[in-house]
Amino acid sequence: MWTMQVSVESSEGLERRMTVELPVEQVNQEVEKRLKTISRTAKIDGFRPGKVPPSVIRKRYLDQVLMEVHQELIQSTYFDALGQENLQPAGDPMIEPVEKQPGEGFGYTAIFEVMPQIELGDMADQVIQRPVAEVSDEDVSQMIEKLRKQRTTWNDVERESANGDQVTINFKGTIDGEAFEGGSADNIPLELGSNSMIEGFEPGLVGAKAGENRTLELVFPEDYHAENLKGKDAVFEVEVIKVAEAVIPELDEEFIKAFGMADGTVETLQSEIRSNMERELEDKIGSMIKQRAMDALIAANEIPVPQFMVKQEAEALKEQTKQNMEQYGQQSNMDLPLDLFEDQAKRRVALGLIVAEVIKVNEIILDEEKVKEKVEMFAKTYEKPQEVIDYYASNREQLAMVQNIVLEEQVADWVMEQAKVEDVESGFEEITAPQQQAAE
């Protein structure tokens, strides 16, 4: 065990400067021991091995030995010094040597961030709204109508187009007489009334017949995604190739059997759809409650977070974003700025630290039965559930992900027990709509 003097200075935020100094006697003793070991085998011209004078060994190897000794001293004393000062670093340190004259020993300063001390705040003042909803007969009927519309086919017609029809068009757009990027396309199907084009484009084609040409004078909106087109006047020359009307399939035996209902009855289809919708609703409500519980946990516990950990998390988010872009075939070689992910990274780091403290303080133990139920729930969505269950059982990494989800849900349950909970009546569409999820 090394004899050392340790002093710690607090810098801005969680940064600490820990200076470690070792007495000259111990340092010199280690240096001399190394030099003596080297002298036994050193091969230097003009001297036999083991007979090289100490002065020659010192002159040749002293700098090398000092560097090795100092490096090993840092490695062997750093964690001892942390333990002595009861410090928990949040990342690797930056090491600065302390300037000393020969014969004064050795010292270094380790600069690092420490983990924050967390005292959990009172959750009693936090208000969490818990959505309450059920799947109604009307919800099931609306879902069946959506399924019918998803299987819409289109029949060509000779009449004038109307809202709800599909027109197939060629178009060319110009601004001040010049074509612009993305302003032209051929043989494009467009459902009138879908609002997939800029304002005025689709209404301008209502009443058109196959073979007709129309000129549309339009204005790009001020909030248009392409900067060079915002607020610009444009002229579109449109050729209508054909007009088709929607044919929605009947709710008959053939339609129902296409969804795997062997008996082809409406009752079986309704039952299966209701079951799926109830599972989805339960899932969405659970996610919303968990999200709101975590929001309340953050609100009640404002803590400083180590910038080292934030940077690591931001880099991970950046890499994940890049992988997602590649997965969807988007350009991913652009260098996204790290600060784009900083706020999200900061929240995730803070939440991770707070959740860990909640688990520790309240001695929350992973509920293995809930892990089993969660795996079985995942498995239900596959054709061969038992194979999925066996996969999780044999894959530690995947099972650990499920265990983390369950543990977070247990923490959310704890939060709900501590906070004020207000039940809010809601509906299936309101809870499962994409905009609702985005807002959460």
Protein backbone atom coordinates (compact mmCIF):
# COMPACT_ATOMS: atom_id res chain seq x y z
CA MET A 1 0.00 0.00 0.00
CA TRP A 2 1.40 3.35 -1.04
CA THR A 3 1.70 6.21 1.41
CA MET A 4 0.02 9.15 -0.30
CA GLN A 5 -1.38 12.59 0.36
CA VAL A 6 -4.72 13.26 -1.32
CA SER A 7 -6.53 16.59 -1.68
CA VAL A 8 -9.74 17.31 -3.57
CA GLU A 9 -10.99 20.58 -5.04
CA SER A 10 -14.55 21.11 -6.27
CA SER A 11 -14.77 22.84 -9.62
CA GLU A 12 -17.86 23.87 -11.57
CA GLY A 13 -20.83 21.52 -11.23
CA LEU A 14 -19.83 17.91 -10.63
CA GLU A 15 -16.18 18.31 -11.66
CA ARG A 16 -13.51 17.44 -9.11
CA ARG A 17 -9.72 17.89 -9.14
CA MET A 18 -8.06 15.21 -7.03
CA THR A 19 -4.34 15.68 -6.42
CA VAL A 20 -2.32 12.66 -5.30
CA GLU A 21 1.27 13.06 -4.03
CA LEU A 22 3.69 10.25 -3.22
CA PRO A 23 6.80 10.63 -1.04
CA VAL A 24 10.19 10.70 -2.72
CA GLU A 25 11.46 7.75 -0.68
CA GLN A 26 8.87 5.32 -2.05
CA VAL A 27 9.22 6.60 -5.59
CA ASN A 28 13.00 6.37 -5.52
CA GLN A 29 12.83 2.90 -4.00
CA GLU A 30 10.68 1.67 -6.89
CA VAL A 31 12.92 3.38 -9.46
CA GLU A 32 16.07 1.85 -8.00
CA LYS A 33 14.47 -1.59 -7.92
CA ARG A 34 13.63 -1.32 -11.62
CA LEU A 35 17.11 -0.11 -12.54
CA LYS A 36 18.66 -2.99 -10.60
CA THR A 37 16.44 -5.50 -12.43
CA ILE A 38 17.43 -4.01 -15.78
CA SER A 39 21.15 -4.14 -14.91
CA ARG A 40 21.02 -7.94 -14.62
CA THR A 41 20.16 -8.47 -18.27
CA ALA A 42 21.03 -5.21 -20.06
CA LYS A 43 23.21 -5.66 -23.14
CA ILE A 44 25.45 -2.64 -23.72
CA ASP A 45 28.45 -2.65 -26.02
CA GLY A 46 31.73 -2.92 -24.11
CA PHE A 47 30.22 -4.58 -21.06
CA ARG A 48 29.32 -8.13 -20.14
CA PRO A 49 25.68 -8.79 -19.16
CA GLY A 50 25.26 -8.13 -15.44
CA LYS A 51 28.53 -6.15 -15.26
CA VAL A 52 27.31 -2.78 -16.58
CA PRO A 53 28.16 0.02 -14.06
CA PRO A 54 25.10 1.51 -12.27
CA SER A 55 25.97 4.97 -13.60
CA VAL A 56 25.76 3.71 -17.21
CA ILE A 57 22.45 1.92 -16.52
CA ARG A 58 21.04 5.06 -14.90
CA LYS A 59 22.10 7.30 -17.77
CA ARG A 60 20.67 4.93 -20.40
CA TYR A 61 17.40 3.83 -18.74
CA LEU A 62 16.42 6.41 -16.08
CA ASP A 63 13.93 8.35 -18.25
CA GLN A 64 12.26 5.14 -19.44
CA VAL A 65 12.02 3.77 -15.89
CA LEU A 66 10.62 7.03 -14.51
CA MET A 67 7.91 7.02 -17.18
CA GLU A 68 6.99 3.39 -16.43
CA VAL A 69 6.99 3.92 -12.66
CA HIS A 70 4.90 7.09 -12.87
CA GLN A 71 2.35 5.38 -15.13
CA GLU A 72 2.06 2.39 -12.82
CA LEU A 73 1.83 4.65 -9.78
CA ILE A 74 -1.15 6.40 -11.33
CA GLN A 75 -2.84 3.10 -12.11
CA SER A 76 -2.18 1.64 -8.65
CA THR A 77 -3.09 4.71 -6.56
CA TYR A 78 -5.97 6.34 -8.45
CA PHE A 79 -8.70 3.98 -7.23
CA ASP A 80 -7.22 3.83 -3.73
CA ALA A 81 -7.38 7.62 -3.58
CA LEU A 82 -11.01 7.58 -4.77
CA GLY A 83 -11.88 5.11 -2.05
CA GLN A 84 -10.04 7.16 0.56
CA GLU A 85 -12.04 10.27 -0.39
CA ASN A 86 -15.30 8.34 -0.92
CA LEU A 87 -15.65 9.60 -4.50
CA GLN A 88 -17.60 7.88 -7.27
CA PRO A 89 -16.36 9.04 -10.70
CA ALA A 90 -18.77 9.31 -13.64
CA GLY A 91 -16.13 8.54 -16.25
CA ASP A 92 -12.44 8.22 -16.99
CA PRO A 93 -10.22 10.97 -15.58
CA MET A 94 -7.94 13.40 -17.34
CA ILE A 95 -4.50 13.13 -15.72
CA GLU A 96 -2.16 16.09 -15.31
CA PRO A 97 1.31 15.54 -13.73
CA VAL A 98 2.27 17.83 -10.86
CA GLU A 99 5.49 19.67 -11.69
CA LYS A 100 8.21 18.67 -9.25
CA GLN A 101 11.96 19.04 -9.10
CA PRO A 102 14.15 15.89 -9.11
CA GLY A 103 14.16 14.35 -5.67
CA GLU A 104 10.75 15.78 -4.68
CA GLY A 105 8.72 12.64 -5.30
CA PHE A 106 5.83 12.29 -7.71
CA GLY A 107 2.33 13.70 -7.95
CA TYR A 108 -0.56 14.01 -10.37
CA THR A 109 -3.98 15.64 -10.58
CA ALA A 110 -6.94 13.61 -11.78
CA ILE A 111 -9.79 15.70 -13.21
CA PHE A 112 -13.17 13.98 -13.46
CA GLU A 113 -16.87 14.32 -12.78
CA VAL A 114 -18.54 12.57 -9.87
CA MET A 115 -21.93 10.91 -9.74
CA PRO A 116 -24.53 13.26 -8.23
CA GLN A 117 -25.81 12.70 -4.73
CA ILE A 118 -29.55 12.10 -5.08
CA GLU A 119 -32.11 12.71 -2.34
CA LEU A 120 -35.44 11.68 -3.76
CA GLY A 121 -38.07 14.41 -3.75
CA ASP A 122 -41.61 14.07 -2.41
CA MET A 123 -43.96 12.73 -5.09
CA ALA A 124 -47.14 13.65 -3.20
CA ASP A 125 -47.55 16.98 -5.05
CA GLN A 126 -47.18 15.44 -8.50
CA VAL A 127 -50.45 15.04 -10.41
CA ILE A 128 -50.65 12.28 -13.02
CA GLN A 129 -53.58 11.93 -15.40
CA ARG A 130 -54.46 8.31 -16.05
CA PRO A 131 -56.49 7.69 -19.24
CA VAL A 132 -59.44 5.36 -18.84
CA ALA A 133 -61.01 3.85 -21.97
CA GLU A 134 -62.58 0.73 -23.42
CA VAL A 135 -63.21 -0.62 -26.90
CA SER A 136 -66.82 0.06 -27.90
CA ASP A 137 -68.96 -1.63 -30.58
CA GLU A 138 -68.64 1.56 -32.62
CA ASP A 139 -64.83 1.37 -32.39
CA VAL A 140 -64.94 -2.18 -33.75
CA SER A 141 -67.26 -1.13 -36.59
CA GLN A 142 -64.99 1.78 -37.51
CA MET A 143 -61.98 -0.55 -37.55
CA ILE A 144 -63.78 -2.95 -39.90
CA GLU A 145 -64.57 0.00 -42.20
CA LYS A 146 -60.88 0.95 -42.20
CA LEU A 147 -59.96 -2.59 -43.17
CA ARG A 148 -62.47 -2.49 -46.02
CA LYS A 149 -61.07 0.83 -47.28
CA GLN A 150 -57.53 -0.52 -47.10
CA ARG A 151 -58.57 -3.11 -49.66
CA THR A 152 -60.10 -0.58 -52.00
CA THR A 153 -59.70 -1.27 -55.71
CA TRP A 154 -60.11 1.28 -58.51
CA ASN A 155 -62.29 0.98 -61.61
CA ASP A 156 -61.71 3.31 -64.55
CA VAL A 157 -64.68 5.56 -65.43
CA GLU A 158 -65.48 7.88 -68.34
CA ARG A 159 -67.21 10.54 -66.24
CA GLU A 160 -65.83 13.71 -64.69
CA SER A 161 -63.74 13.24 -61.55
CA ALA A 162 -65.09 13.91 -58.06
CA ASN A 163 -63.66 13.97 -54.55
CA GLY A 164 -62.79 10.41 -53.52
CA ASP A 165 -61.86 9.43 -57.06
CA GLN A 166 -58.33 8.54 -58.11
CA VAL A 167 -56.86 10.39 -61.07
CA THR A 168 -53.67 9.31 -62.80
CA ILE A 169 -51.75 12.37 -64.00
CA ASN A 170 -48.62 13.80 -65.60
CA PHE A 171 -47.65 17.24 -64.33
CA LYS A 172 -44.95 19.83 -64.73
CA GLY A 173 -44.49 22.81 -62.44
CA THR A 174 -42.68 26.08 -63.15
CA ILE A 175 -41.79 29.18 -61.16
CA ASP A 176 -41.26 32.32 -63.22
CA GLY A 177 -41.26 30.09 -66.28
CA GLU A 178 -38.47 27.84 -64.96
CA ALA A 179 -38.89 24.19 -63.96
CA PHE A 180 -37.85 23.40 -60.37
CA GLU A 181 -36.59 20.26 -58.64
CA GLY A 182 -39.41 17.91 -57.63
CA GLY A 183 -41.96 19.89 -59.61
CA SER A 184 -42.61 17.29 -62.32
CA ALA A 185 -43.78 13.67 -62.41
CA ASP A 186 -45.42 11.21 -64.81
CA ASN A 187 -48.11 8.57 -64.37
CA ILE A 188 -48.80 9.49 -60.74
CA PRO A 189 -51.99 8.20 -59.03
CA LEU A 190 -53.64 10.85 -56.85
CA GLU A 191 -56.73 10.45 -54.69
CA LEU A 192 -58.73 13.67 -54.81
CA GLY A 193 -59.48 14.94 -51.32
CA SER A 194 -56.48 13.24 -49.74
CA ASN A 195 -54.71 16.61 -49.21
CA SER A 196 -51.42 15.04 -50.26
CA MET A 197 -50.61 17.95 -52.60
CA ILE A 198 -50.34 21.68 -51.90
CA GLU A 199 -53.52 23.66 -51.37
CA GLY A 200 -55.57 24.06 -54.53
CA PHE A 201 -53.94 21.26 -56.52
CA GLU A 202 -56.54 18.56 -55.88
CA PRO A 203 -59.61 20.85 -56.02
CA GLY A 204 -58.25 22.13 -59.34
CA LEU A 205 -58.66 18.64 -60.83
CA VAL A 206 -62.22 18.00 -59.62
CA GLY A 207 -64.51 17.78 -62.66
CA ALA A 208 -61.72 16.77 -65.07
CA LYS A 209 -62.07 13.86 -67.48
CA ALA A 210 -59.49 11.46 -68.90
CA GLY A 211 -57.49 13.14 -71.68
CA GLU A 212 -58.12 16.65 -70.34
CA ASN A 213 -55.33 19.20 -69.65
CA ARG A 214 -55.56 21.79 -66.90
CA THR A 215 -53.39 24.73 -65.82
CA LEU A 216 -53.23 25.33 -62.07
CA GLU A 217 -51.91 28.63 -60.72
CA LEU A 218 -51.01 27.98 -57.09
CA VAL A 219 -48.92 29.34 -54.22
CA PHE A 220 -46.60 27.24 -52.05
CA PRO A 221 -47.39 27.69 -48.32
CA GLU A 222 -45.07 29.80 -46.19
CA ASP A 223 -44.28 26.77 -43.99
CA TYR A 224 -43.45 24.46 -46.92
CA HIS A 225 -40.61 22.03 -46.14
CA ALA A 226 -38.43 23.14 -49.09
CA GLU A 227 -36.88 26.50 -48.22
CA ASN A 228 -36.54 27.61 -51.86
CA LEU A 229 -40.27 27.10 -52.53
CA LYS A 230 -41.82 28.78 -49.48
CA GLY A 231 -44.44 31.34 -50.50
CA LYS A 232 -43.55 31.07 -54.21
CA ASP A 233 -46.13 31.39 -57.03
CA ALA A 234 -46.12 28.32 -59.26
CA VAL A 235 -47.88 27.16 -62.41
CA PHE A 236 -48.63 23.46 -62.92
CA GLU A 237 -49.52 22.02 -66.33
CA VAL A 238 -51.48 18.84 -65.60
CA GLU A 239 -52.54 16.09 -68.00
CA VAL A 240 -55.27 13.76 -66.71
CA ILE A 241 -54.58 10.27 -68.03
CA LYS A 242 -57.49 8.46 -66.43
CA VAL A 243 -60.15 8.73 -63.74
CA ALA A 244 -61.07 5.80 -61.47
CA GLU A 245 -63.70 5.37 -58.76
CA ALA A 246 -63.22 3.49 -55.52
CA VAL A 247 -64.70 0.04 -55.11
CA ILE A 248 -64.81 -0.95 -51.42
CA PRO A 249 -65.20 -4.71 -50.85
CA GLU A 250 -68.37 -6.03 -49.24
CA LEU A 251 -68.24 -7.42 -45.72
CA ASP A 252 -68.82 -10.93 -46.96
CA GLU A 253 -67.43 -14.41 -46.40
CA GLU A 254 -64.64 -13.97 -48.96
CA PHE A 255 -63.48 -10.72 -47.36
CA ILE A 256 -63.51 -12.19 -43.84
CA LYS A 257 -61.65 -15.37 -44.82
CA ALA A 258 -58.87 -13.19 -46.28
CA PHE A 259 -58.06 -12.28 -42.64
CA GLY A 260 -57.65 -15.92 -41.64
CA MET A 261 -61.16 -16.41 -40.20
CA ALA A 262 -61.90 -19.93 -41.43
CA ASP A 263 -65.64 -19.82 -40.73
CA GLY A 264 -66.03 -16.51 -42.58
CA THR A 265 -68.56 -15.08 -40.10
CA VAL A 266 -68.88 -11.43 -39.11
CA GLU A 267 -69.08 -12.42 -35.42
CA THR A 268 -65.67 -14.15 -35.55
CA LEU A 269 -64.11 -11.17 -37.29
CA GLN A 270 -65.58 -8.75 -34.75
CA SER A 271 -64.35 -10.88 -31.86
CA GLU A 272 -60.81 -11.11 -33.24
CA ILE A 273 -60.66 -7.38 -34.02
CA ARG A 274 -61.99 -6.48 -30.56
CA SER A 275 -59.36 -8.69 -28.93
CA ASN A 276 -56.56 -7.05 -30.94
CA MET A 277 -57.89 -3.56 -30.23
CA GLU A 278 -58.15 -4.24 -26.51
CA ARG A 279 -54.57 -5.48 -26.47
CA GLU A 280 -53.43 -2.37 -28.35
CA LEU A 281 -55.42 -0.09 -26.04
CA GLU A 282 -53.94 -1.72 -22.94
CA ASP A 283 -50.48 -1.35 -24.44
CA LYS A 284 -50.94 2.34 -25.30
CA ILE A 285 -52.44 3.22 -21.92
CA GLY A 286 -49.58 1.41 -20.17
CA SER A 287 -47.03 3.35 -22.23
CA MET A 288 -48.77 6.66 -21.52
CA ILE A 289 -48.94 5.99 -17.79
CA LYS A 290 -45.29 4.97 -17.71
CA GLN A 291 -44.29 8.09 -19.66
CA ARG A 292 -46.27 10.37 -17.34
CA ALA A 293 -44.90 8.64 -14.25
CA MET A 294 -41.36 9.22 -15.51
CA ASP A 295 -42.19 12.86 -16.30
CA ALA A 296 -43.40 13.26 -12.71
CA LEU A 297 -40.24 11.60 -11.41
CA ILE A 298 -38.11 14.07 -13.37
CA ALA A 299 -40.22 17.03 -12.21
CA ALA A 300 -39.82 16.06 -8.56
CA ASN A 301 -36.09 15.39 -8.79
CA GLU A 302 -34.05 18.04 -10.55
CA ILE A 303 -30.48 16.80 -10.42
CA PRO A 304 -27.19 17.80 -12.05
CA VAL A 305 -25.95 15.25 -14.55
CA PRO A 306 -22.36 14.42 -15.52
CA GLN A 307 -21.53 15.93 -18.90
CA PHE A 308 -19.37 12.91 -19.65
CA MET A 309 -22.45 10.67 -19.45
CA VAL A 310 -24.58 13.13 -21.44
CA LYS A 311 -22.02 13.19 -24.23
CA GLN A 312 -21.87 9.38 -24.31
CA GLU A 313 -25.66 9.15 -24.48
CA ALA A 314 -25.86 11.84 -27.18
CA GLU A 315 -23.33 9.93 -29.29
CA ALA A 316 -25.39 6.74 -28.85
CA LEU A 317 -28.57 8.57 -29.93
CA LYS A 318 -26.77 10.01 -32.92
CA GLU A 319 -25.57 6.57 -33.99
CA GLN A 320 -29.06 5.13 -33.52
CA THR A 321 -30.53 7.90 -35.67
CA LYS A 322 -27.99 7.16 -38.37
CA GLN A 323 -28.87 3.45 -38.31
CA ASN A 324 -32.59 4.26 -38.49
CA MET A 325 -31.99 6.48 -41.52
CA GLU A 326 -30.07 3.69 -43.23
CA GLN A 327 -32.84 1.22 -42.42
CA TYR A 328 -35.39 3.40 -44.21
CA GLY A 329 -33.09 4.02 -47.16
CA GLN A 330 -32.33 7.64 -46.30
CA GLN A 331 -29.01 9.38 -46.73
CA SER A 332 -26.98 8.76 -43.59
CA ASN A 333 -23.53 10.13 -44.39
CA MET A 334 -24.46 13.59 -43.16
CA ASP A 335 -22.72 14.57 -39.91
CA LEU A 336 -25.55 15.42 -37.53
CA PRO A 337 -24.46 17.92 -34.83
CA LEU A 338 -24.16 16.32 -31.40
CA ASP A 339 -26.02 19.15 -29.67
CA LEU A 340 -29.11 18.09 -31.62
CA PHE A 341 -29.38 15.15 -29.21
CA GLU A 342 -28.18 16.89 -26.04
CA ASP A 343 -31.56 17.64 -24.42
CA GLN A 344 -32.85 14.11 -24.97
CA ALA A 345 -29.55 12.66 -23.76
CA LYS A 346 -29.62 14.81 -20.63
CA ARG A 347 -33.14 13.67 -19.81
CA ARG A 348 -32.29 10.00 -20.35
CA VAL A 349 -29.19 10.19 -18.16
CA ALA A 350 -31.06 12.03 -15.38
CA LEU A 351 -33.95 9.59 -15.54
CA GLY A 352 -31.62 6.60 -15.44
CA LEU A 353 -29.90 7.92 -12.30
CA ILE A 354 -33.20 8.75 -10.58
CA VAL A 355 -34.79 5.41 -11.45
CA ALA A 356 -31.73 3.59 -10.11
CA GLU A 357 -32.02 5.54 -6.84
CA VAL A 358 -35.73 4.74 -6.54
CA ILE A 359 -34.97 1.03 -7.00
CA LYS A 360 -32.17 1.18 -4.43
CA VAL A 361 -33.95 3.22 -1.75
CA ASN A 362 -37.23 1.32 -2.02
CA GLU A 363 -35.55 -2.06 -2.46
CA ILE A 364 -37.58 -2.83 -5.58
CA ILE A 365 -36.89 -6.39 -6.73
CA LEU A 366 -37.49 -7.53 -10.29
CA ASP A 367 -40.80 -9.40 -10.55
CA GLU A 368 -39.87 -12.53 -12.50
CA GLU A 369 -43.52 -13.48 -12.95
CA LYS A 370 -44.17 -10.19 -14.75
CA VAL A 371 -41.13 -10.84 -16.95
CA LYS A 372 -42.64 -14.18 -17.91
CA GLU A 373 -46.02 -12.52 -18.65
CA LYS A 374 -44.33 -9.83 -20.75
CA VAL A 375 -42.48 -12.40 -22.86
CA GLU A 376 -45.70 -14.37 -23.35
CA MET A 377 -47.48 -11.19 -24.40
CA PHE A 378 -44.79 -10.50 -27.02
CA ALA A 379 -45.01 -14.10 -28.19
CA LYS A 380 -48.78 -13.92 -28.79
CA THR A 381 -48.25 -11.71 -31.82
CA TYR A 382 -46.24 -14.43 -33.60
CA GLU A 383 -47.41 -17.52 -35.44
CA LYS A 384 -45.42 -19.86 -33.19
CA PRO A 385 -45.44 -18.33 -29.67
CA GLN A 386 -43.46 -21.11 -27.99
CA GLU A 387 -40.50 -20.56 -30.32
CA VAL A 388 -40.44 -16.89 -29.29
CA ILE A 389 -40.61 -17.80 -25.60
CA ASP A 390 -37.73 -20.27 -26.04
CA TYR A 391 -35.73 -17.61 -27.89
CA TYR A 392 -35.97 -15.15 -25.00
CA ALA A 393 -35.13 -17.90 -22.52
CA SER A 394 -31.90 -18.71 -24.40
CA ASN A 395 -30.85 -15.13 -25.23
CA ARG A 396 -29.61 -13.25 -22.17
CA GLU A 397 -29.31 -9.93 -23.97
CA GLN A 398 -32.88 -9.97 -25.24
CA LEU A 399 -34.20 -11.21 -21.90
CA ALA A 400 -32.32 -8.40 -20.12
CA MET A 401 -34.15 -5.87 -22.29
CA VAL A 402 -37.50 -7.32 -21.16
CA GLN A 403 -36.33 -7.32 -17.54
CA ASN A 404 -35.42 -3.62 -17.81
CA ILE A 405 -38.86 -2.84 -19.23
CA VAL A 406 -40.55 -4.67 -16.35
CA LEU A 407 -38.34 -2.99 -13.76
CA GLU A 408 -39.20 0.44 -15.19
CA GLU A 409 -42.88 -0.48 -15.05
CA GLN A 410 -42.45 -1.44 -11.39
CA VAL A 411 -40.90 1.97 -10.75
CA ALA A 412 -43.83 3.60 -12.58
CA ASP A 413 -46.21 1.65 -10.34
CA TRP A 414 -44.36 2.98 -7.30
CA VAL A 415 -44.66 6.54 -8.63
CA MET A 416 -48.41 6.10 -9.20
CA GLU A 417 -48.77 4.95 -5.59
CA GLN A 418 -46.98 8.07 -4.31
CA ALA A 419 -48.47 10.73 -6.61
CA LYS A 420 -51.98 12.12 -7.03
CA VAL A 421 -53.71 10.21 -9.82
CA GLU A 422 -56.65 11.65 -11.77
CA ASP A 423 -58.62 9.29 -14.00
CA VAL A 424 -59.56 10.89 -17.33
CA GLU A 425 -62.27 9.32 -19.50
CA SER A 426 -61.06 8.86 -23.05
CA GLY A 427 -61.71 6.85 -26.22
CA PHE A 428 -59.86 4.31 -28.32
CA GLU A 429 -59.19 6.69 -31.23
CA GLU A 430 -58.03 9.49 -28.94
CA ILE A 431 -55.49 7.26 -27.22
CA THR A 432 -54.19 5.31 -30.20
CA ALA A 433 -54.09 8.13 -32.78
CA PRO A 434 -50.50 8.81 -34.00
CA GLN A 435 -50.70 12.53 -33.09
CA GLN A 436 -51.60 11.56 -29.54
CA GLN A 437 -48.54 9.38 -29.28
CA ALA A 438 -46.35 12.09 -30.76
CA ALA A 439 -47.66 14.56 -28.21
CA GLU A 440 -46.76 12.21 -25.41
